[in-house]
Each structure stands twice: as C-alpha cells, then as structure tokens.
Amino acid sequence: MNKEFQELQELLEERGQGVPADEYFEEFLSDFHRRQRQDLMRRSARSLLLERMGVWLQEMGGAKWIYGAGAAYALVIVSLFAWPRGNASKEGIEPVSLEVPEQKVLHFESERSGKKENEPPKATEF
C-alpha cells in the first residue's frame, strides 16, 4: 500500500508540473468566443428565436401553464368586448339609407319699402 501511495504522489507531482501557461487559457477563451459568434451569425433569426423560446419554456416548468391560461383568459375577455352584440337596430342605431333626403327650397323676397337695393334679400320659408 505504501508503494501505491508513492506512485500516486509521483503522478500528482508530474501532473502539477504539466500545467499550461496562462496564455494558453486566454487564447482558448478568445477562440471559443469567436467560434460561438460565427455559429450565431450562420443561423437565421427565426431559428434563434425558436431556440430561445424553447429554452425559456423549459426553464419555466409549471409556470408555463399559468402563463398560458392567463393569456388565453385575456384573449377571451378582449374578444368578448370587441365582438358586436346582436342587431344594431335594437340599440337605437339605424342602418344608413342610400336615399337622398328631401331638400327644402328657400324663396327670397326683397322688401322695397325704404331699403337699399344693394341689400341681400331675406330668406322666408313657406
């Protein structure tokens, strides 16, 4: 058992000496970010949206049913307020008629008793 322990210690020491330099990790991180950006640029906006919506719904768990029910309820309420209620004539609103209404004709008389002739005549109804 002592022999195995010594071998284990030697392996751990060798492993500790084989640690890469800090530049290796910095270069790896910059390459990783560059590859991620390239992958995002190749994909369409629609696929990104669908992926993000899928992840969002997976993370929500049971809350998604509550949100879905709330959205359905709101849609029903909005449709009830927006839907027309029965016949419009029951509410006192009559449909528009295409007939032209009768027009009244006004007759003008001029009074000659002491007034100037430049004055406009008065309108009178019969």
C-alpha atoms as a PDB file:
ATOM      1  CA  MET A   1       0.000   0.000   0.000  1.00  0.00           C
ATOM      2  CA  ASN A   2       2.908   2.284   0.666  1.00  0.00           C
ATOM      3  CA  LYS A   3       4.188   1.596  -2.824  1.00  0.00           C
ATOM      4  CA  GLU A   4       0.830   2.601  -4.375  1.00  0.00           C
ATOM      5  CA  PHE A   5       0.760   5.763  -2.299  1.00  0.00           C
ATOM      6  CA  GLN A   6       4.239   6.728  -3.509  1.00  0.00           C
ATOM      7  CA  GLU A   7       3.244   6.076  -7.137  1.00  0.00           C
ATOM      8  CA  LEU A   8       0.148   8.197  -6.656  1.00  0.00           C
ATOM      9  CA  GLN A   9       2.195  11.039  -5.206  1.00  0.00           C
ATOM     10  CA  GLU A  10       4.629  10.866  -8.114  1.00  0.00           C
ATOM     11  CA  LEU A  11       1.774  11.022 -10.621  1.00  0.00           C
ATOM     12  CA  LEU A  12       0.264  14.019  -8.864  1.00  0.00           C
ATOM     13  CA  GLU A  13       3.622  15.802  -8.872  1.00  0.00           C
ATOM     14  CA  GLU A  14       4.083  15.126 -12.581  1.00  0.00           C
ATOM     15  CA  ARG A  15       0.593  16.379 -13.265  1.00  0.00           C
ATOM     16  CA  GLY A  16       1.232  19.584 -11.335  1.00  0.00           C
ATOM     17  CA  GLN A  17       4.296  20.307 -13.396  1.00  0.00           C
ATOM     18  CA  GLY A  18       2.412  19.876 -16.676  1.00  0.00           C
ATOM     19  CA  VAL A  19       0.080  22.886 -16.167  1.00  0.00           C
ATOM     20  CA  PRO A  20      -0.150  25.021 -19.325  1.00  0.00           C
ATOM     21  CA  ALA A  21       0.766  28.703 -19.262  1.00  0.00           C
ATOM     22  CA  ASP A  22      -1.836  31.462 -18.821  1.00  0.00           C
ATOM     23  CA  GLU A  23      -1.579  32.408 -22.493  1.00  0.00           C
ATOM     24  CA  TYR A  24      -2.972  29.013 -23.414  1.00  0.00           C
ATOM     25  CA  PHE A  25      -6.191  29.662 -21.451  1.00  0.00           C
ATOM     26  CA  GLU A  26      -6.572  33.206 -22.782  1.00  0.00           C
ATOM     27  CA  GLU A  27      -6.110  32.033 -26.361  1.00  0.00           C
ATOM     28  CA  PHE A  28      -8.541  29.156 -25.826  1.00  0.00           C
ATOM     29  CA  LEU A  29     -11.170  31.554 -24.434  1.00  0.00           C
ATOM     30  CA  SER A  30     -10.826  34.007 -27.325  1.00  0.00           C
ATOM     31  CA  ASP A  31     -11.065  31.168 -29.880  1.00  0.00           C
ATOM     32  CA  PHE A  32     -14.116  29.793 -28.110  1.00  0.00           C
ATOM     33  CA  HIS A  33     -15.894  33.157 -28.183  1.00  0.00           C
ATOM     34  CA  ARG A  34     -15.001  33.674 -31.847  1.00  0.00           C
ATOM     35  CA  ARG A  35     -16.444  30.250 -32.761  1.00  0.00           C
ATOM     36  CA  GLN A  36     -19.619  30.989 -30.813  1.00  0.00           C
ATOM     37  CA  ARG A  37     -20.130  34.290 -32.639  1.00  0.00           C
ATOM     38  CA  GLN A  38     -19.531  32.623 -36.008  1.00  0.00           C
ATOM     39  CA  ASP A  39     -22.101  29.955 -35.160  1.00  0.00           C
ATOM     40  CA  LEU A  40     -24.673  32.600 -34.236  1.00  0.00           C
ATOM     41  CA  MET A  41     -24.010  34.547 -37.429  1.00  0.00           C
ATOM     42  CA  ARG A  42     -24.666  31.472 -39.594  1.00  0.00           C
ATOM     43  CA  ARG A  43     -28.065  30.778 -38.073  1.00  0.00           C
ATOM     44  CA  SER A  44     -31.239  32.617 -39.024  1.00  0.00           C
ATOM     45  CA  ALA A  45     -33.048  34.957 -36.664  1.00  0.00           C
ATOM     46  CA  ARG A  46     -36.097  32.688 -36.720  1.00  0.00           C
ATOM     47  CA  SER A  47     -34.144  29.643 -35.536  1.00  0.00           C
ATOM     48  CA  LEU A  48     -32.525  31.714 -32.774  1.00  0.00           C
ATOM     49  CA  LEU A  49     -35.932  32.966 -31.638  1.00  0.00           C
ATOM     50  CA  LEU A  50     -37.389  29.462 -31.603  1.00  0.00           C
ATOM     51  CA  GLU A  51     -34.405  28.147 -29.673  1.00  0.00           C
ATOM     52  CA  ARG A  52     -34.642  30.897 -27.066  1.00  0.00           C
ATOM     53  CA  MET A  53     -38.401  30.435 -26.700  1.00  0.00           C
ATOM     54  CA  GLY A  54     -37.856  26.683 -26.254  1.00  0.00           C
ATOM     55  CA  VAL A  55     -35.228  27.212 -23.581  1.00  0.00           C
ATOM     56  CA  TRP A  56     -37.436  29.776 -21.845  1.00  0.00           C
ATOM     57  CA  LEU A  57     -40.392  27.392 -21.784  1.00  0.00           C
ATOM     58  CA  GLN A  58     -38.217  24.542 -20.497  1.00  0.00           C
ATOM     59  CA  GLU A  59     -36.862  26.687 -17.687  1.00  0.00           C
ATOM     60  CA  MET A  60     -40.313  27.879 -16.623  1.00  0.00           C
ATOM     61  CA  GLY A  61     -41.544  24.435 -15.647  1.00  0.00           C
ATOM     62  CA  GLY A  62     -45.088  24.525 -14.241  1.00  0.00           C
ATOM     63  CA  ALA A  63     -45.397  28.289 -14.522  1.00  0.00           C
ATOM     64  CA  LYS A  64     -45.861  27.999 -18.283  1.00  0.00           C
ATOM     65  CA  TRP A  65     -49.345  26.548 -17.756  1.00  0.00           C
ATOM     66  CA  ILE A  66     -50.277  29.504 -15.567  1.00  0.00           C
ATOM     67  CA  TYR A  67     -48.960  31.990 -18.134  1.00  0.00           C
ATOM     68  CA  GLY A  68     -50.728  30.122 -20.938  1.00  0.00           C
ATOM     69  CA  ALA A  69     -54.020  30.088 -19.058  1.00  0.00           C
ATOM     70  CA  GLY A  70     -53.663  33.811 -18.277  1.00  0.00           C
ATOM     71  CA  ALA A  71     -53.001  34.633 -21.919  1.00  0.00           C
ATOM     72  CA  ALA A  72     -55.997  32.544 -23.043  1.00  0.00           C
ATOM     73  CA  TYR A  73     -58.226  34.255 -20.464  1.00  0.00           C
ATOM     74  CA  ALA A  74     -57.084  37.700 -21.611  1.00  0.00           C
ATOM     75  CA  LEU A  75     -57.771  36.744 -25.240  1.00  0.00           C
ATOM     76  CA  VAL A  76     -61.305  35.607 -24.371  1.00  0.00           C
ATOM     77  CA  ILE A  77     -62.063  38.813 -22.452  1.00  0.00           C
ATOM     78  CA  VAL A  78     -60.750  41.031 -25.263  1.00  0.00           C
ATOM     79  CA  SER A  79     -62.777  39.106 -27.837  1.00  0.00           C
ATOM     80  CA  LEU A  80     -65.952  39.475 -25.724  1.00  0.00           C
ATOM     81  CA  PHE A  81     -65.539  43.240 -25.605  1.00  0.00           C
ATOM     82  CA  ALA A  82     -64.652  43.500 -29.293  1.00  0.00           C
ATOM     83  CA  TRP A  83     -67.411  41.213 -30.646  1.00  0.00           C
ATOM     84  CA  PRO A  84     -70.600  43.035 -31.830  1.00  0.00           C
ATOM     85  CA  ARG A  85     -73.664  42.407 -29.673  1.00  0.00           C
ATOM     86  CA  GLY A  86     -76.657  41.340 -31.769  1.00  0.00           C
ATOM     87  CA  ASN A  87     -78.590  43.572 -34.178  1.00  0.00           C
ATOM     88  CA  ALA A  88     -77.688  47.263 -34.288  1.00  0.00           C
ATOM     89  CA  SER A  89     -81.365  48.394 -34.636  1.00  0.00           C
ATOM     90  CA  LYS A  90     -82.128  47.082 -31.137  1.00  0.00           C
ATOM     91  CA  GLU A  91     -79.765  49.657 -29.683  1.00  0.00           C
ATOM     92  CA  GLY A  92     -81.456  52.609 -31.427  1.00  0.00           C
ATOM     93  CA  ILE A  93     -78.931  52.839 -34.249  1.00  0.00           C
ATOM     94  CA  GLU A  94     -80.478  52.528 -37.654  1.00  0.00           C
ATOM     95  CA  PRO A  95     -78.630  51.437 -40.764  1.00  0.00           C
ATOM     96  CA  VAL A  96     -77.569  54.082 -43.248  1.00  0.00           C
ATOM     97  CA  SER A  97     -80.065  54.807 -46.017  1.00  0.00           C
ATOM     98  CA  LEU A  98     -78.884  55.280 -49.578  1.00  0.00           C
ATOM     99  CA  GLU A  99     -81.804  57.578 -50.454  1.00  0.00           C
ATOM    100  CA  VAL A 100     -81.197  61.303 -50.797  1.00  0.00           C
ATOM    101  CA  PRO A 101     -83.222  63.289 -48.227  1.00  0.00           C
ATOM    102  CA  GLU A 102     -85.789  65.794 -49.480  1.00  0.00           C
ATOM    103  CA  GLN A 103     -84.389  69.302 -49.721  1.00  0.00           C
ATOM    104  CA  LYS A 104     -86.236  72.425 -48.683  1.00  0.00           C
ATOM    105  CA  VAL A 105     -86.286  75.283 -51.133  1.00  0.00           C
ATOM    106  CA  LEU A 106     -85.956  78.773 -49.716  1.00  0.00           C
ATOM    107  CA  HIS A 107     -87.668  81.614 -51.549  1.00  0.00           C
ATOM    108  CA  PHE A 108     -86.200  85.061 -51.359  1.00  0.00           C
ATOM    109  CA  GLU A 109     -88.283  88.215 -51.286  1.00  0.00           C
ATOM    110  CA  SER A 110     -86.934  91.661 -51.491  1.00  0.00           C
ATOM    111  CA  GLU A 111     -88.602  94.360 -49.463  1.00  0.00           C
ATOM    112  CA  ARG A 112     -88.844  97.520 -51.479  1.00  0.00           C
ATOM    113  CA  SER A 113     -90.164  99.676 -48.701  1.00  0.00           C
ATOM    114  CA  GLY A 114     -87.428 102.153 -47.985  1.00  0.00           C
ATOM    115  CA  LYS A 115     -84.433  99.843 -48.131  1.00  0.00           C
ATOM    116  CA  LYS A 116     -81.495  99.982 -50.455  1.00  0.00           C
ATOM    117  CA  GLU A 117     -81.393  97.709 -53.427  1.00  0.00           C
ATOM    118  CA  ASN A 118     -77.840  96.557 -52.628  1.00  0.00           C
ATOM    119  CA  GLU A 119     -79.050  94.708 -49.552  1.00  0.00           C
ATOM    120  CA  PRO A 120     -79.415  90.944 -49.963  1.00  0.00           C
ATOM    121  CA  PRO A 121     -82.973  89.668 -49.895  1.00  0.00           C
ATOM    122  CA  LYS A 122     -84.398  87.964 -46.761  1.00  0.00           C
ATOM    123  CA  ALA A 123     -84.961  84.243 -46.747  1.00  0.00           C
ATOM    124  CA  THR A 124     -88.501  83.111 -45.995  1.00  0.00           C
ATOM    125  CA  GLU A 125     -89.979  79.630 -45.696  1.00  0.00           C
ATOM    126  CA  PHE A 126     -93.404  78.564 -46.891  1.00  0.00           C
END
